[in-house]
């Protein structure tokens, strides 16, 4: 898939969900997904406060790198 105007390739898009993760750590899921070709990860944490959300986002970003 061609990148959009922003340069982001939305070819394979992952939306995280701790409830549906089956108890697997999101970092592991994101790491494996990135290795499998995921190009975009959306962190879905409806019940997290700002600090918790940002902590998790930074951890997932590091896991995906």
Protein backbone atom coordinates (compact mmCIF):
# COMPACT_ATOMS: atom_id res chain seq x y z
CA UNK A 1 0.00 0.00 0.00
CA UNK A 2 1.24 3.45 -0.85
CA UNK A 3 1.86 5.89 1.99
CA UNK A 4 -0.64 8.69 2.48
CA UNK A 5 0.25 12.38 2.25
CA UNK A 6 1.69 12.30 5.77
CA UNK A 7 4.11 9.58 4.71
CA UNK A 8 2.55 6.99 7.01
CA UNK A 9 2.05 3.54 5.52
CA UNK A 10 -1.29 2.20 6.75
CA UNK A 11 -0.77 -1.12 4.97
CA UNK A 12 -1.13 -3.23 8.10
CA UNK A 13 -2.73 -1.53 11.11
CA UNK A 14 -2.87 -2.98 14.63
CA UNK A 15 -5.31 -1.77 17.29
CA UNK A 16 -4.34 -2.91 20.78
CA UNK A 17 -6.85 -4.18 23.30
CA UNK A 18 -5.75 -5.59 26.66
CA UNK A 19 -9.06 -7.41 27.11
CA UNK A 20 -8.66 -9.28 23.83
CA UNK A 21 -4.94 -9.93 24.30
CA UNK A 22 -5.58 -13.12 26.23
CA UNK A 23 -3.28 -12.01 29.02
CA UNK A 24 -0.29 -11.61 26.70
CA UNK A 25 1.75 -8.46 27.32
CA UNK A 26 1.00 -5.75 24.77
CA UNK A 27 4.73 -5.17 24.35
CA UNK A 28 5.11 -8.76 23.14
CA UNK A 29 2.14 -8.45 20.79
CA UNK A 30 3.44 -5.20 19.32
CA UNK A 31 6.99 -6.56 18.97
CA UNK A 32 5.75 -9.67 17.16
CA UNK A 33 3.32 -7.67 15.04
CA UNK A 34 6.02 -5.22 13.96
CA UNK A 35 8.26 -8.15 13.04
CA UNK A 36 5.36 -9.52 11.00
CA UNK A 37 4.91 -6.34 9.01
CA UNK A 38 2.57 -4.11 11.01
CA UNK A 39 3.30 -0.51 10.06
CA UNK A 40 0.94 1.36 12.43
CA UNK A 41 -0.10 0.61 16.01
CA UNK A 42 -3.06 2.30 17.65
CA UNK A 43 -2.98 2.15 21.42
CA UNK A 44 -6.54 1.70 22.66
CA UNK A 45 -6.79 2.37 26.38
CA UNK A 46 -10.17 3.92 27.11
CA UNK A 47 -9.87 3.60 30.88
CA UNK A 48 -6.28 4.78 31.32
CA UNK A 49 -5.40 8.14 32.75
CA UNK A 50 -3.03 10.41 30.87
CA UNK A 51 0.14 9.33 32.69
CA UNK A 52 -0.67 5.63 32.38
CA UNK A 53 -1.55 6.03 28.70
CA UNK A 54 1.70 7.85 27.94
CA UNK A 55 3.78 5.33 29.90
CA UNK A 56 2.23 2.48 27.93
CA UNK A 57 2.57 4.35 24.64
CA UNK A 58 6.29 4.94 25.19
CA UNK A 59 6.80 1.30 26.20
CA UNK A 60 5.00 0.08 23.07
CA UNK A 61 6.94 2.45 20.87
CA UNK A 62 10.18 1.06 22.24
CA UNK A 63 8.91 -2.51 21.77
CA UNK A 64 8.08 -1.79 18.13
CA UNK A 65 11.53 -0.35 17.33
